[in-house]
Each structure stands twice: as structure tokens, then as C-alpha cells.
Amino acid sequence: MSQEREEEFRPVNQILGSQPSLGPIPADQILPWTLICLASYFIINGIFGGIFQEEFQKWLWTVLIAGWGMGTWWILTGGRSWSFLSKFVGVPTWTRGFARYQSLLEVNYEAKNRKKKRQHRRK
């Protein structure tokens, strides 16, 4: 019977468990890519704006630098197993253990009581 149930199972919402996105752009990349585009625009039009003869050249260089920056950012922080910075995320170590719970307040209180008892014995 359990085998029949597995064959009958159909996911109702196929988007569950997928990464959020805005069209083809992953949601976690929207803000960094926007900042990269703005920075490339201000670099080309603000700093190097005077060296270009035509407006087309400014936009071409803006798009090229923004594309290079967004691609580099995506490779470094893509969040997938192939991204560069994801290799540095530590894997948690799960262990099973048993320990008695002891409140820090009780430990401090017991230590003070022991100290008082020792001082009282010395007198």
C-alpha cells in the first residue's frame, strides 16, 4: 500500500524549495548588481567622461564594466557549489552527547556559598 501511495504522489506547488528570483536574476544578487551598475556608470561618466568622443562609447564601456563586475560578483558569491566563496563555508559537525544542564547563576551561587563556608571554618 505504501508503494502505491508513492506512485500517486504529485507535488502541488512546483516552486516550493526553489531559489527566489526576479525573472532570470537571482534575488540575492539584485542589490549587489544594482550597486555595481551604478558604480560603473559613475566611474565612466563621472571620472572618465571627458575622454570619450561619443555618447555610445560611454554606454559601451559602462555596460562592459558592469557586466564584468556582475559576472565576477556572481562567480564569487553565487551560493552554489561551484561559486568560489562557498568553498569557505564550514560544515557543521553533528554529534550526539549527553550533558547535565547547570545554570550559570546556580554555579556562581554555589561557589560563593563554598567560599563563605571555608571562611567561616577558618574563624
PDB file of N, CA and C in Angstrom:
ATOM      1  N   MET A   1       0.816  -1.193   0.000  1.00  0.00           N
ATOM      2  CA  MET A   1       0.000   0.000   0.000  1.00  0.00           C
ATOM      3  C   MET A   1       0.865   1.265   0.000  1.00  0.00           C
ATOM      4  N   SER A   2       1.988   1.253   0.761  1.00  0.00           N
ATOM      5  CA  SER A   2       2.842   2.434   0.784  1.00  0.00           C
ATOM      6  C   SER A   2       3.482   2.678  -0.574  1.00  0.00           C
ATOM      7  N   GLN A   3       3.723   1.609  -1.314  1.00  0.00           N
ATOM      8  CA  GLN A   3       4.310   1.763  -2.637  1.00  0.00           C
ATOM      9  C   GLN A   3       3.310   2.415  -3.589  1.00  0.00           C
ATOM     10  N   GLU A   4       2.039   2.094  -3.427  1.00  0.00           N
ATOM     11  CA  GLU A   4       1.009   2.708  -4.259  1.00  0.00           C
ATOM     12  C   GLU A   4       0.900   4.193  -3.950  1.00  0.00           C
ATOM     13  N   ARG A   5       1.031   4.576  -2.683  1.00  0.00           N
ATOM     14  CA  ARG A   5       0.948   5.982  -2.294  1.00  0.00           C
ATOM     15  C   ARG A   5       2.104   6.782  -2.898  1.00  0.00           C
ATOM     16  N   GLU A   6       3.298   6.207  -2.936  1.00  0.00           N
ATOM     17  CA  GLU A   6       4.440   6.907  -3.506  1.00  0.00           C
ATOM     18  C   GLU A   6       4.249   7.170  -4.986  1.00  0.00           C
ATOM     19  N   GLU A   7       3.642   6.246  -5.685  1.00  0.00           N
ATOM     20  CA  GLU A   7       3.413   6.430  -7.110  1.00  0.00           C
ATOM     21  C   GLU A   7       2.327   7.460  -7.369  1.00  0.00           C
ATOM     22  N   GLU A   8       1.388   7.615  -6.446  1.00  0.00           N
ATOM     23  CA  GLU A   8       0.306   8.562  -6.624  1.00  0.00           C
ATOM     24  C   GLU A   8       0.703   9.978  -6.228  1.00  0.00           C
ATOM     25  N   PHE A   9       1.818  10.163  -5.546  1.00  0.00           N
ATOM     26  CA  PHE A   9       2.211  11.469  -5.040  1.00  0.00           C
ATOM     27  C   PHE A   9       2.565  12.404  -6.191  1.00  0.00           C
ATOM     28  N   ARG A  10       1.967  13.577  -6.154  1.00  0.00           N
ATOM     29  CA  ARG A  10       2.298  14.629  -7.114  1.00  0.00           C
ATOM     30  C   ARG A  10       2.490  15.932  -6.358  1.00  0.00           C
ATOM     31  N   PRO A  11       3.578  16.658  -6.608  1.00  0.00           N
ATOM     32  CA  PRO A  11       3.749  17.931  -5.916  1.00  0.00           C
ATOM     33  C   PRO A  11       2.700  18.943  -6.384  1.00  0.00           C
ATOM     34  N   VAL A  12       2.097  19.636  -5.453  1.00  0.00           N
ATOM     35  CA  VAL A  12       1.062  20.599  -5.795  1.00  0.00           C
ATOM     36  C   VAL A  12       1.691  21.895  -6.294  1.00  0.00           C
ATOM     37  N   ASN A  13       2.699  22.389  -5.583  1.00  0.00           N
ATOM     38  CA  ASN A  13       3.347  23.634  -5.957  1.00  0.00           C
ATOM     39  C   ASN A  13       4.806  23.334  -6.308  1.00  0.00           C
ATOM     40  N   GLN A  14       5.147  23.413  -7.562  1.00  0.00           N
ATOM     41  CA  GLN A  14       6.497  23.040  -8.010  1.00  0.00           C
ATOM     42  C   GLN A  14       7.546  24.086  -7.658  1.00  0.00           C
ATOM     43  N   ILE A  15       7.122  25.290  -7.302  1.00  0.00           N
ATOM     44  CA  ILE A  15       8.087  26.339  -6.980  1.00  0.00           C
ATOM     45  C   ILE A  15       8.619  26.213  -5.552  1.00  0.00           C
ATOM     46  N   LEU A  16       7.970  25.394  -4.727  1.00  0.00           N
ATOM     47  CA  LEU A  16       8.437  25.210  -3.352  1.00  0.00           C
ATOM     48  C   LEU A  16       9.841  24.619  -3.346  1.00  0.00           C
ATOM     49  N   GLY A  17      10.718  25.216  -2.553  1.00  0.00           N
ATOM     50  CA  GLY A  17      12.086  24.727  -2.437  1.00  0.00           C
ATOM     51  C   GLY A  17      13.038  25.306  -3.460  1.00  0.00           C
ATOM     52  N   SER A  18      12.546  26.104  -4.405  1.00  0.00           N
ATOM     53  CA  SER A  18      13.446  26.688  -5.395  1.00  0.00           C
ATOM     54  C   SER A  18      13.954  28.042  -4.905  1.00  0.00           C
ATOM     55  N   GLN A  19      15.022  28.520  -5.540  1.00  0.00           N
ATOM     56  CA  GLN A  19      15.625  29.783  -5.137  1.00  0.00           C
ATOM     57  C   GLN A  19      14.775  30.947  -5.652  1.00  0.00           C
ATOM     58  N   PRO A  20      14.487  31.952  -4.817  1.00  0.00           N
ATOM     59  CA  PRO A  20      13.702  33.092  -5.283  1.00  0.00           C
ATOM     60  C   PRO A  20      14.465  33.900  -6.325  1.00  0.00           C
ATOM     61  N   SER A  21      13.730  34.424  -7.290  1.00  0.00           N
ATOM     62  CA  SER A  21      14.372  35.186  -8.349  1.00  0.00           C
ATOM     63  C   SER A  21      13.399  36.215  -8.912  1.00  0.00           C
ATOM     64  N   LEU A  22      13.942  37.186  -9.592  1.00  0.00           N
ATOM     65  CA  LEU A  22      13.182  38.189 -10.316  1.00  0.00           C
ATOM     66  C   LEU A  22      13.480  37.968 -11.784  1.00  0.00           C
ATOM     67  N   GLY A  23      12.692  37.110 -12.416  1.00  0.00           N
ATOM     68  CA  GLY A  23      12.988  36.690 -13.782  1.00  0.00           C
ATOM     69  C   GLY A  23      14.235  35.825 -13.773  1.00  0.00           C
ATOM     70  N   PRO A  24      15.216  36.152 -14.617  1.00  0.00           N
ATOM     71  CA  PRO A  24      16.449  35.356 -14.629  1.00  0.00           C
ATOM     72  C   PRO A  24      17.457  35.771 -13.559  1.00  0.00           C
ATOM     73  N   ILE A  25      17.182  36.854 -12.832  1.00  0.00           N
ATOM     74  CA  ILE A  25      18.134  37.376 -11.844  1.00  0.00           C
ATOM     75  C   ILE A  25      17.835  36.764 -10.476  1.00  0.00           C
ATOM     76  N   PRO A  26      18.803  36.075  -9.867  1.00  0.00           N
ATOM     77  CA  PRO A  26      18.588  35.543  -8.514  1.00  0.00           C
ATOM     78  C   PRO A  26      18.343  36.683  -7.524  1.00  0.00           C
ATOM     79  N   ALA A  27      17.437  36.470  -6.586  1.00  0.00           N
ATOM     80  CA  ALA A  27      17.034  37.531  -5.662  1.00  0.00           C
ATOM     81  C   ALA A  27      18.187  38.025  -4.793  1.00  0.00           C
ATOM     82  N   ASP A  28      19.123  37.161  -4.433  1.00  0.00           N
ATOM     83  CA  ASP A  28      20.231  37.596  -3.588  1.00  0.00           C
ATOM     84  C   ASP A  28      21.286  38.391  -4.357  1.00  0.00           C
ATOM     85  N   GLN A  29      21.143  38.485  -5.683  1.00  0.00           N
ATOM     86  CA  GLN A  29      22.106  39.226  -6.494  1.00  0.00           C
ATOM     87  C   GLN A  29      21.584  40.594  -6.932  1.00  0.00           C
ATOM     88  N   ILE A  30      20.319  40.908  -6.672  1.00  0.00           N
ATOM     89  CA  ILE A  30      19.726  42.142  -7.197  1.00  0.00           C
ATOM     90  C   ILE A  30      20.412  43.381  -6.624  1.00  0.00           C
ATOM     91  N   LEU A  31      20.536  43.475  -5.324  1.00  0.00           N
ATOM     92  CA  LEU A  31      21.155  44.656  -4.710  1.00  0.00           C
ATOM     93  C   LEU A  31      22.638  44.809  -5.099  1.00  0.00           C
ATOM     94  N   PRO A  32      23.460  43.756  -5.012  1.00  0.00           N
ATOM     95  CA  PRO A  32      24.862  43.936  -5.415  1.00  0.00           C
ATOM     96  C   PRO A  32      25.008  44.315  -6.888  1.00  0.00           C
ATOM     97  N   TRP A  33      24.203  43.721  -7.753  1.00  0.00           N
ATOM     98  CA  TRP A  33      24.304  44.045  -9.173  1.00  0.00           C
ATOM     99  C   TRP A  33      23.867  45.479  -9.443  1.00  0.00           C
ATOM    100  N   THR A  34      22.865  45.952  -8.718  1.00  0.00           N
ATOM    101  CA  THR A  34      22.439  47.339  -8.873  1.00  0.00           C
ATOM    102  C   THR A  34      23.552  48.283  -8.450  1.00  0.00           C
ATOM    103  N   LEU A  35      24.198  47.995  -7.342  1.00  0.00           N
ATOM    104  CA  LEU A  35      25.316  48.829  -6.885  1.00  0.00           C
ATOM    105  C   LEU A  35      26.488  48.785  -7.853  1.00  0.00           C
ATOM    106  N   ILE A  36      26.753  47.630  -8.441  1.00  0.00           N
ATOM    107  CA  ILE A  36      27.835  47.508  -9.415  1.00  0.00           C
ATOM    108  C   ILE A  36      27.517  48.322 -10.662  1.00  0.00           C
ATOM    109  N   CYS A  37      26.258  48.265 -11.134  1.00  0.00           N
ATOM    110  CA  CYS A  37      25.858  49.053 -12.306  1.00  0.00           C
ATOM    111  C   CYS A  37      25.982  50.550 -12.039  1.00  0.00           C
ATOM    112  N   LEU A  38      25.523  50.991 -10.868  1.00  0.00           N
ATOM    113  CA  LEU A  38      25.622  52.413 -10.525  1.00  0.00           C
ATOM    114  C   LEU A  38      27.085  52.855 -10.409  1.00  0.00           C
ATOM    115  N   ALA A  39      27.905  52.015  -9.790  1.00  0.00           N
ATOM    116  CA  ALA A  39      29.328  52.359  -9.651  1.00  0.00           C
ATOM    117  C   ALA A  39      29.996  52.452 -11.021  1.00  0.00           C
ATOM    118  N   SER A  40      29.699  51.521 -11.915  1.00  0.00           N
ATOM    119  CA  SER A  40      30.319  51.580 -13.247  1.00  0.00           C
ATOM    120  C   SER A  40      29.841  52.808 -14.018  1.00  0.00           C
ATOM    121  N   TYR A  41      28.570  53.184 -13.849  1.00  0.00           N
ATOM    122  CA  TYR A  41      28.056  54.385 -14.511  1.00  0.00           C
ATOM    123  C   TYR A  41      28.778  55.630 -14.002  1.00  0.00           C
ATOM    124  N   PHE A  42      28.922  55.741 -12.679  1.00  0.00           N
ATOM    125  CA  PHE A  42      29.589  56.916 -12.127  1.00  0.00           C
ATOM    126  C   PHE A  42      31.080  56.932 -12.438  1.00  0.00           C
ATOM    127  N   ILE A  43      31.699  55.792 -12.533  1.00  0.00           N
ATOM    128  CA  ILE A  43      33.123  55.757 -12.891  1.00  0.00           C
ATOM    129  C   ILE A  43      33.322  56.224 -14.324  1.00  0.00           C
ATOM    130  N   ILE A  44      32.529  55.690 -15.240  1.00  0.00           N
ATOM    131  CA  ILE A  44      32.707  56.036 -16.656  1.00  0.00           C
ATOM    132  C   ILE A  44      32.251  57.460 -16.938  1.00  0.00           C
ATOM    133  N   ASN A  45      31.065  57.829 -16.471  1.00  0.00           N
ATOM    134  CA  ASN A  45      30.546  59.165 -16.808  1.00  0.00           C
ATOM    135  C   ASN A  45      31.095  60.259 -15.909  1.00  0.00           C
ATOM    136  N   GLY A  46      31.462  59.920 -14.681  1.00  0.00           N
ATOM    137  CA  GLY A  46      31.974  60.945 -13.783  1.00  0.00           C
ATOM    138  C   GLY A  46      33.467  61.143 -13.880  1.00  0.00           C
ATOM    139  N   ILE A  47      34.205  60.058 -13.768  1.00  0.00           N
ATOM    140  CA  ILE A  47      35.673  60.164 -13.743  1.00  0.00           C
ATOM    141  C   ILE A  47      36.258  60.224 -15.148  1.00  0.00           C
ATOM    142  N   PHE A  48      35.838  59.292 -16.000  1.00  0.00           N
ATOM    143  CA  PHE A  48      36.411  59.208 -17.342  1.00  0.00           C
ATOM    144  C   PHE A  48      35.504  59.785 -18.419  1.00  0.00           C
ATOM    145  N   GLY A  49      34.516  60.567 -18.049  1.00  0.00           N
ATOM    146  CA  GLY A  49      33.547  61.095 -19.014  1.00  0.00           C
ATOM    147  C   GLY A  49      34.154  61.995 -20.078  1.00  0.00           C
ATOM    148  N   GLY A  50      35.202  62.700 -19.746  1.00  0.00           N
ATOM    149  CA  GLY A  50      35.786  63.651 -20.686  1.00  0.00           C
ATOM    150  C   GLY A  50      36.635  63.022 -21.776  1.00  0.00           C
ATOM    151  N   ILE A  51      37.069  61.777 -21.624  1.00  0.00           N
ATOM    152  CA  ILE A  51      37.985  61.199 -22.620  1.00  0.00           C
ATOM    153  C   ILE A  51      37.248  60.519 -23.772  1.00  0.00           C
ATOM    154  N   PHE A  52      35.929  60.325 -23.649  1.00  0.00           N
ATOM    155  CA  PHE A  52      35.178  59.656 -24.716  1.00  0.00           C
ATOM    156  C   PHE A  52      34.621  60.699 -25.676  1.00  0.00           C
ATOM    157  N   GLN A  53      34.706  60.397 -26.968  1.00  0.00           N
ATOM    158  CA  GLN A  53      34.244  61.311 -28.003  1.00  0.00           C
ATOM    159  C   GLN A  53      32.722  61.263 -28.166  1.00  0.00           C
ATOM    160  N   GLU A  54      32.184  60.067 -28.135  1.00  0.00           N
ATOM    161  CA  GLU A  54      30.760  59.893 -28.399  1.00  0.00           C
ATOM    162  C   GLU A  54      30.048  59.317 -27.181  1.00  0.00           C
ATOM    163  N   GLU A  55      28.726  59.536 -27.135  1.00  0.00           N
ATOM    164  CA  GLU A  55      27.902  59.005 -26.052  1.00  0.00           C
ATOM    165  C   GLU A  55      27.857  57.480 -26.114  1.00  0.00           C
ATOM    166  N   PHE A  56      27.909  56.921 -27.317  1.00  0.00           N
ATOM    167  CA  PHE A  56      27.877  55.465 -27.492  1.00  0.00           C
ATOM    168  C   PHE A  56      29.054  54.807 -26.790  1.00  0.00           C
ATOM    169  N   GLN A  57      30.222  55.432 -26.872  1.00  0.00           N
ATOM    170  CA  GLN A  57      31.407  54.877 -26.211  1.00  0.00           C
ATOM    171  C   GLN A  57      31.239  54.844 -24.700  1.00  0.00           C
ATOM    172  N   LYS A  58      30.631  55.884 -24.137  1.00  0.00           N
ATOM    173  CA  LYS A  58      30.398  55.904 -22.691  1.00  0.00           C
ATOM    174  C   LYS A  58      29.509  54.742 -22.271  1.00  0.00           C
ATOM    175  N   TRP A  59      28.420  54.537 -23.008  1.00  0.00           N
ATOM    176  CA  TRP A  59      27.486  53.468 -22.638  1.00  0.00           C
ATOM    177  C   TRP A  59      28.079  52.089 -22.892  1.00  0.00           C
ATOM    178  N   LEU A  60      28.872  51.963 -23.957  1.00  0.00           N
ATOM    179  CA  LEU A  60      29.513  50.680 -24.239  1.00  0.00           C
ATOM    180  C   LEU A  60      30.445  50.299 -23.091  1.00  0.00           C
ATOM    181  N   TRP A  61      31.291  51.244 -22.653  1.00  0.00           N
ATOM    182  CA  TRP A  61      32.212  50.960 -21.567  1.00  0.00           C
ATOM    183  C   TRP A  61      31.480  50.754 -20.242  1.00  0.00           C
ATOM    184  N   THR A  62      30.386  51.485 -20.051  1.00  0.00           N
ATOM    185  CA  THR A  62      29.587  51.293 -18.838  1.00  0.00           C
ATOM    186  C   THR A  62      29.019  49.884 -18.794  1.00  0.00           C
ATOM    187  N   VAL A  63      28.455  49.428 -19.912  1.00  0.00           N
ATOM    188  CA  VAL A  63      27.873  48.079 -19.970  1.00  0.00           C
ATOM    189  C   VAL A  63      28.954  47.011 -19.822  1.00  0.00           C
ATOM    190  N   LEU A  64      30.105  47.204 -20.449  1.00  0.00           N
ATOM    191  CA  LEU A  64      31.194  46.226 -20.343  1.00  0.00           C
ATOM    192  C   LEU A  64      31.715  46.109 -18.912  1.00  0.00           C
ATOM    193  N   ILE A  65      31.941  47.229 -18.258  1.00  0.00           N
ATOM    194  CA  ILE A  65      32.451  47.195 -16.882  1.00  0.00           C
ATOM    195  C   ILE A  65      31.395  46.645 -15.938  1.00  0.00           C
ATOM    196  N   ALA A  66      30.131  47.031 -16.131  1.00  0.00           N
ATOM    197  CA  ALA A  66      29.058  46.497 -15.275  1.00  0.00           C
ATOM    198  C   ALA A  66      28.919  44.992 -15.471  1.00  0.00           C
ATOM    199  N   GLY A  67      28.987  44.525 -16.708  1.00  0.00           N
ATOM    200  CA  GLY A  67      28.903  43.085 -16.973  1.00  0.00           C
ATOM    201  C   GLY A  67      30.053  42.326 -16.352  1.00  0.00           C
ATOM    202  N   TRP A  68      31.250  42.888 -16.462  1.00  0.00           N
ATOM    203  CA  TRP A  68      32.419  42.253 -15.848  1.00  0.00           C
ATOM    204  C   TRP A  68      32.268  42.201 -14.326  1.00  0.00           C
ATOM    205  N   GLY A  69      31.821  43.296 -13.731  1.00  0.00           N
ATOM    206  CA  GLY A  69      31.651  43.339 -12.280  1.00  0.00           C
ATOM    207  C   GLY A  69      30.573  42.390 -11.796  1.00  0.00           C
ATOM    208  N   MET A  70      29.439  42.343 -12.511  1.00  0.00           N
ATOM    209  CA  MET A  70      28.350  41.447 -12.101  1.00  0.00           C
ATOM    210  C   MET A  70      28.757  39.987 -12.264  1.00  0.00           C
ATOM    211  N   GLY A  71      29.453  39.680 -13.343  1.00  0.00           N
ATOM    212  CA  GLY A  71      29.924  38.305 -13.546  1.00  0.00           C
ATOM    213  C   GLY A  71      30.908  37.878 -12.473  1.00  0.00           C
ATOM    214  N   THR A  72      31.821  38.773 -12.134  1.00  0.00           N
ATOM    215  CA  THR A  72      32.792  38.468 -11.079  1.00  0.00           C
ATOM    216  C   THR A  72      32.093  38.264  -9.743  1.00  0.00           C
ATOM    217  N   TRP A  73      31.138  39.130  -9.432  1.00  0.00           N
ATOM    218  CA  TRP A  73      30.405  39.004  -8.164  1.00  0.00           C
ATOM    219  C   TRP A  73      29.625  37.705  -8.119  1.00  0.00           C
ATOM    220  N   TRP A  74      29.018  37.334  -9.238  1.00  0.00           N
ATOM    221  CA  TRP A  74      28.214  36.118  -9.281  1.00  0.00           C
ATOM    222  C   TRP A  74      29.082  34.874  -9.100  1.00  0.00           C
ATOM    223  N   ILE A  75      30.270  34.878  -9.702  1.00  0.00           N
ATOM    224  CA  ILE A  75      31.183  33.738  -9.545  1.00  0.00           C
ATOM    225  C   ILE A  75      31.657  33.627  -8.098  1.00  0.00           C
ATOM    226  N   LEU A  76      31.939  34.776  -7.474  1.00  0.00           N
ATOM    227  CA  LEU A  76      32.441  34.747  -6.099  1.00  0.00           C
ATOM    228  C   LEU A  76      31.372  34.389  -5.076  1.00  0.00           C
ATOM    229  N   THR A  77      30.146  34.850  -5.276  1.00  0.00           N
ATOM    230  CA  THR A  77      29.114  34.687  -4.249  1.00  0.00           C
ATOM    231  C   THR A  77      27.868  34.000  -4.754  1.00  0.00           C
ATOM    232  N   GLY A  78      27.954  33.208  -5.788  1.00  0.00           N
ATOM    233  CA  GLY A  78      26.769  32.615  -6.412  1.00  0.00           C
ATOM    234  C   GLY A  78      25.942  31.734  -5.513  1.00  0.00           C
ATOM    235  N   GLY A  79      26.494  31.232  -4.413  1.00  0.00           N
ATOM    236  CA  GLY A  79      25.735  30.423  -3.482  1.00  0.00           C
ATOM    237  C   GLY A  79      25.585  28.972  -3.910  1.00  0.00           C
ATOM    238  N   ARG A  80      26.129  28.611  -5.003  1.00  0.00           N
ATOM    239  CA  ARG A  80      26.073  27.231  -5.449  1.00  0.00           C
ATOM    240  C   ARG A  80      27.406  26.548  -5.128  1.00  0.00           C
ATOM    241  N   SER A  81      27.476  25.276  -5.381  1.00  0.00           N
ATOM    242  CA  SER A  81      28.694  24.541  -5.034  1.00  0.00           C
ATOM    243  C   SER A  81      29.886  24.973  -5.888  1.00  0.00           C
ATOM    244  N   TRP A  82      29.634  25.568  -7.053  1.00  0.00           N
ATOM    245  CA  TRP A  82      30.740  25.969  -7.912  1.00  0.00           C
ATOM    246  C   TRP A  82      31.232  27.383  -7.618  1.00  0.00           C
ATOM    247  N   SER A  83      30.538  28.141  -6.777  1.00  0.00           N
ATOM    248  CA  SER A  83      30.988  29.501  -6.500  1.00  0.00           C
ATOM    249  C   SER A  83      32.242  29.464  -5.619  1.00  0.00           C
ATOM    250  N   PHE A  84      33.080  30.424  -5.796  1.00  0.00           N
ATOM    251  CA  PHE A  84      34.385  30.441  -5.142  1.00  0.00           C
ATOM    252  C   PHE A  84      34.266  30.572  -3.631  1.00  0.00           C
ATOM    253  N   LEU A  85      33.489  31.529  -3.148  1.00  0.00           N
ATOM    254  CA  LEU A  85      33.423  31.781  -1.715  1.00  0.00           C
ATOM    255  C   LEU A  85      32.616  30.731  -0.967  1.00  0.00           C
ATOM    256  N   SER A  86      31.808  29.931  -1.667  1.00  0.00           N
ATOM    257  CA  SER A  86      31.044  28.896  -0.968  1.00  0.00           C
ATOM    258  C   SER A  86      31.941  27.765  -0.484  1.00  0.00           C
ATOM    259  N   LYS A  87      33.152  27.697  -0.992  1.00  0.00           N
ATOM    260  CA  LYS A  87      34.084  26.663  -0.554  1.00  0.00           C
ATOM    261  C   LYS A  87      34.589  26.922   0.870  1.00  0.00           C
ATOM    262  N   PHE A  88      34.427  28.153   1.375  1.00  0.00           N
ATOM    263  CA  PHE A  88      34.934  28.516   2.683  1.00  0.00           C
ATOM    264  C   PHE A  88      33.885  28.416   3.778  1.00  0.00           C
ATOM    265  N   VAL A  89      32.696  27.982   3.454  1.00  0.00           N
ATOM    266  CA  VAL A  89      31.637  27.853   4.453  1.00  0.00           C
ATOM    267  C   VAL A  89      31.858  26.549   5.200  1.00  0.00           C
ATOM    268  N   GLY A  90      31.951  26.633   6.500  1.00  0.00           N
ATOM    269  CA  GLY A  90      32.205  25.448   7.307  1.00  0.00           C
ATOM    270  C   GLY A  90      30.972  24.567   7.411  1.00  0.00           C
ATOM    271  N   VAL A  91      31.197  23.285   7.381  1.00  0.00           N
ATOM    272  CA  VAL A  91      30.119  22.314   7.511  1.00  0.00           C
ATOM    273  C   VAL A  91      29.929  22.005   8.994  1.00  0.00           C
ATOM    274  N   PRO A  92      28.701  22.063   9.477  1.00  0.00           N
ATOM    275  CA  PRO A  92      28.501  21.785  10.906  1.00  0.00           C
ATOM    276  C   PRO A  92      28.776  20.330  11.241  1.00  0.00           C
ATOM    277  N   THR A  93      29.335  20.108  12.411  1.00  0.00           N
ATOM    278  CA  THR A  93      29.590  18.757  12.884  1.00  0.00           C
ATOM    279  C   THR A  93      28.495  18.389  13.872  1.00  0.00           C
ATOM    280  N   TRP A  94      27.731  17.376  13.532  1.00  0.00           N
ATOM    281  CA  TRP A  94      26.631  16.942  14.391  1.00  0.00           C
ATOM    282  C   TRP A  94      27.101  15.763  15.219  1.00  0.00           C
ATOM    283  N   THR A  95      26.999  15.894  16.523  1.00  0.00           N
ATOM    284  CA  THR A  95      27.342  14.801  17.417  1.00  0.00           C
ATOM    285  C   THR A  95      26.215  14.623  18.421  1.00  0.00           C
ATOM    286  N   ARG A  96      26.125  13.457  18.941  1.00  0.00           N
ATOM    287  CA  ARG A  96      25.119  13.189  19.952  1.00  0.00           C
ATOM    288  C   ARG A  96      25.827  13.082  21.293  1.00  0.00           C
ATOM    289  N   GLY A  97      25.367  13.831  22.237  1.00  0.00           N
ATOM    290  CA  GLY A  97      26.003  13.801  23.541  1.00  0.00           C
ATOM    291  C   GLY A  97      25.000  14.073  24.637  1.00  0.00           C
ATOM    292  N   PHE A  98      25.395  13.768  25.825  1.00  0.00           N
ATOM    293  CA  PHE A  98      24.528  13.980  26.972  1.00  0.00           C
ATOM    294  C   PHE A  98      25.289  14.798  27.995  1.00  0.00           C
ATOM    295  N   ALA A  99      24.670  15.862  28.465  1.00  0.00           N
ATOM    296  CA  ALA A  99      25.290  16.694  29.478  1.00  0.00           C
ATOM    297  C   ALA A  99      24.204  17.188  30.429  1.00  0.00           C
ATOM    298  N   ARG A 100      24.553  17.279  31.667  1.00  0.00           N
ATOM    299  CA  ARG A 100      23.616  17.776  32.658  1.00  0.00           C
ATOM    300  C   ARG A 100      23.543  19.278  32.550  1.00  0.00           C
ATOM    301  N   TYR A 101      22.346  19.811  32.512  1.00  0.00           N
ATOM    302  CA  TYR A 101      22.178  21.252  32.454  1.00  0.00           C
ATOM    303  C   TYR A 101      22.487  21.856  33.808  1.00  0.00           C
ATOM    304  N   GLN A 102      23.291  22.893  33.788  1.00  0.00           N
ATOM    305  CA  GLN A 102      23.605  23.583  35.023  1.00  0.00           C
ATOM    306  C   GLN A 102      23.608  25.073  34.731  1.00  0.00           C
ATOM    307  N   SER A 103      22.758  25.784  35.420  1.00  0.00           N
ATOM    308  CA  SER A 103      22.639  27.217  35.207  1.00  0.00           C
ATOM    309  C   SER A 103      23.897  27.923  35.692  1.00  0.00           C
ATOM    310  N   LEU A 104      24.290  28.957  34.972  1.00  0.00           N
ATOM    311  CA  LEU A 104      25.462  29.726  35.382  1.00  0.00           C
ATOM    312  C   LEU A 104      25.201  30.468  36.684  1.00  0.00           C
ATOM    313  N   LEU A 105      23.961  30.856  36.892  1.00  0.00           N
ATOM    314  CA  LEU A 105      23.640  31.548  38.145  1.00  0.00           C
ATOM    315  C   LEU A 105      23.797  30.626  39.341  1.00  0.00           C
ATOM    316  N   GLU A 106      23.361  29.379  39.214  1.00  0.00           N
ATOM    317  CA  GLU A 106      23.482  28.428  40.311  1.00  0.00           C
ATOM    318  C   GLU A 106      24.941  28.109  40.604  1.00  0.00           C
ATOM    319  N   VAL A 107      25.749  27.983  39.575  1.00  0.00           N
ATOM    320  CA  VAL A 107      27.167  27.679  39.772  1.00  0.00           C
ATOM    321  C   VAL A 107      27.824  28.817  40.534  1.00  0.00           C
ATOM    322  N   ASN A 108      27.541  30.026  40.139  1.00  0.00           N
ATOM    323  CA  ASN A 108      28.126  31.179  40.812  1.00  0.00           C
ATOM    324  C   ASN A 108      27.638  31.247  42.259  1.00  0.00           C
ATOM    325  N   TYR A 109      26.383  30.977  42.486  1.00  0.00           N
ATOM    326  CA  TYR A 109      25.817  30.993  43.836  1.00  0.00           C
ATOM    327  C   TYR A 109      26.467  29.914  44.704  1.00  0.00           C
ATOM    328  N   GLU A 110      26.635  28.708  44.142  1.00  0.00           N
ATOM    329  CA  GLU A 110      27.264  27.617  44.895  1.00  0.00           C
ATOM    330  C   GLU A 110      28.713  27.929  45.208  1.00  0.00           C
ATOM    331  N   ALA A 111      29.415  28.540  44.294  1.00  0.00           N
ATOM    332  CA  ALA A 111      30.813  28.887  44.534  1.00  0.00           C
ATOM    333  C   ALA A 111      30.934  29.916  45.655  1.00  0.00           C
ATOM    334  N   LYS A 112      30.031  30.873  45.695  1.00  0.00           N
ATOM    335  CA  LYS A 112      30.060  31.870  46.774  1.00  0.00           C
ATOM    336  C   LYS A 112      29.766  31.213  48.122  1.00  0.00           C
ATOM    337  N   ASN A 113      28.798  30.295  48.122  1.00  0.00           N
ATOM    338  CA  ASN A 113      28.474  29.598  49.368  1.00  0.00           C
ATOM    339  C   ASN A 113      29.650  28.785  49.871  1.00  0.00           C
ATOM    340  N   ARG A 114      30.347  28.085  48.987  1.00  0.00           N
ATOM    341  CA  ARG A 114      31.515  27.304  49.391  1.00  0.00           C
ATOM    342  C   ARG A 114      32.594  28.210  49.966  1.00  0.00           C
ATOM    343  N   LYS A 115      32.782  29.353  49.330  1.00  0.00           N
ATOM    344  CA  LYS A 115      33.798  30.291  49.790  1.00  0.00           C
ATOM    345  C   LYS A 115      33.446  30.817  51.183  1.00  0.00           C
ATOM    346  N   LYS A 116      32.169  31.134  51.400  1.00  0.00           N
ATOM    347  CA  LYS A 116      31.729  31.608  52.710  1.00  0.00           C
ATOM    348  C   LYS A 116      31.908  30.527  53.774  1.00  0.00           C
ATOM    349  N   LYS A 117      31.589  29.272  53.417  1.00  0.00           N
ATOM    350  CA  LYS A 117      31.741  28.170  54.377  1.00  0.00           C
ATOM    351  C   LYS A 117      33.207  27.992  54.757  1.00  0.00           C
ATOM    352  N   ARG A 118      34.102  28.072  53.783  1.00  0.00           N
ATOM    353  CA  ARG A 118      35.542  27.952  54.076  1.00  0.00           C
ATOM    354  C   ARG A 118      36.017  29.076  54.991  1.00  0.00           C
ATOM    355  N   GLN A 119      35.551  30.291  54.710  1.00  0.00           N
ATOM    356  CA  GLN A 119      35.953  31.413  55.547  1.00  0.00           C
ATOM    357  C   GLN A 119      35.392  31.273  56.961  1.00  0.00           C
ATOM    358  N   HIS A 120      34.194  30.753  57.050  1.00  0.00           N
ATOM    359  CA  HIS A 120      33.560  30.572  58.357  1.00  0.00           C
ATOM    360  C   HIS A 120      34.304  29.492  59.167  1.00  0.00           C
ATOM    361  N   ARG A 121      34.788  28.445  58.504  1.00  0.00           N
ATOM    362  CA  ARG A 121      35.530  27.372  59.204  1.00  0.00           C
ATOM    363  C   ARG A 121      36.852  27.904  59.742  1.00  0.00           C
ATOM    364  N   ARG A 122      37.495  28.776  59.023  1.00  0.00           N
ATOM    365  CA  ARG A 122      38.799  29.313  59.431  1.00  0.00           C
ATOM    366  C   ARG A 122      38.677  30.183  60.671  1.00  0.00           C
ATOM    367  N   LYS A 123      37.550  30.783  60.890  1.00  0.00           N
ATOM    368  CA  LYS A 123      37.376  31.675  62.059  1.00  0.00           C
ATOM    369  C   LYS A 123      37.209  30.929  63.288  1.00  0.00           C
TER     370      LYS A 123
END
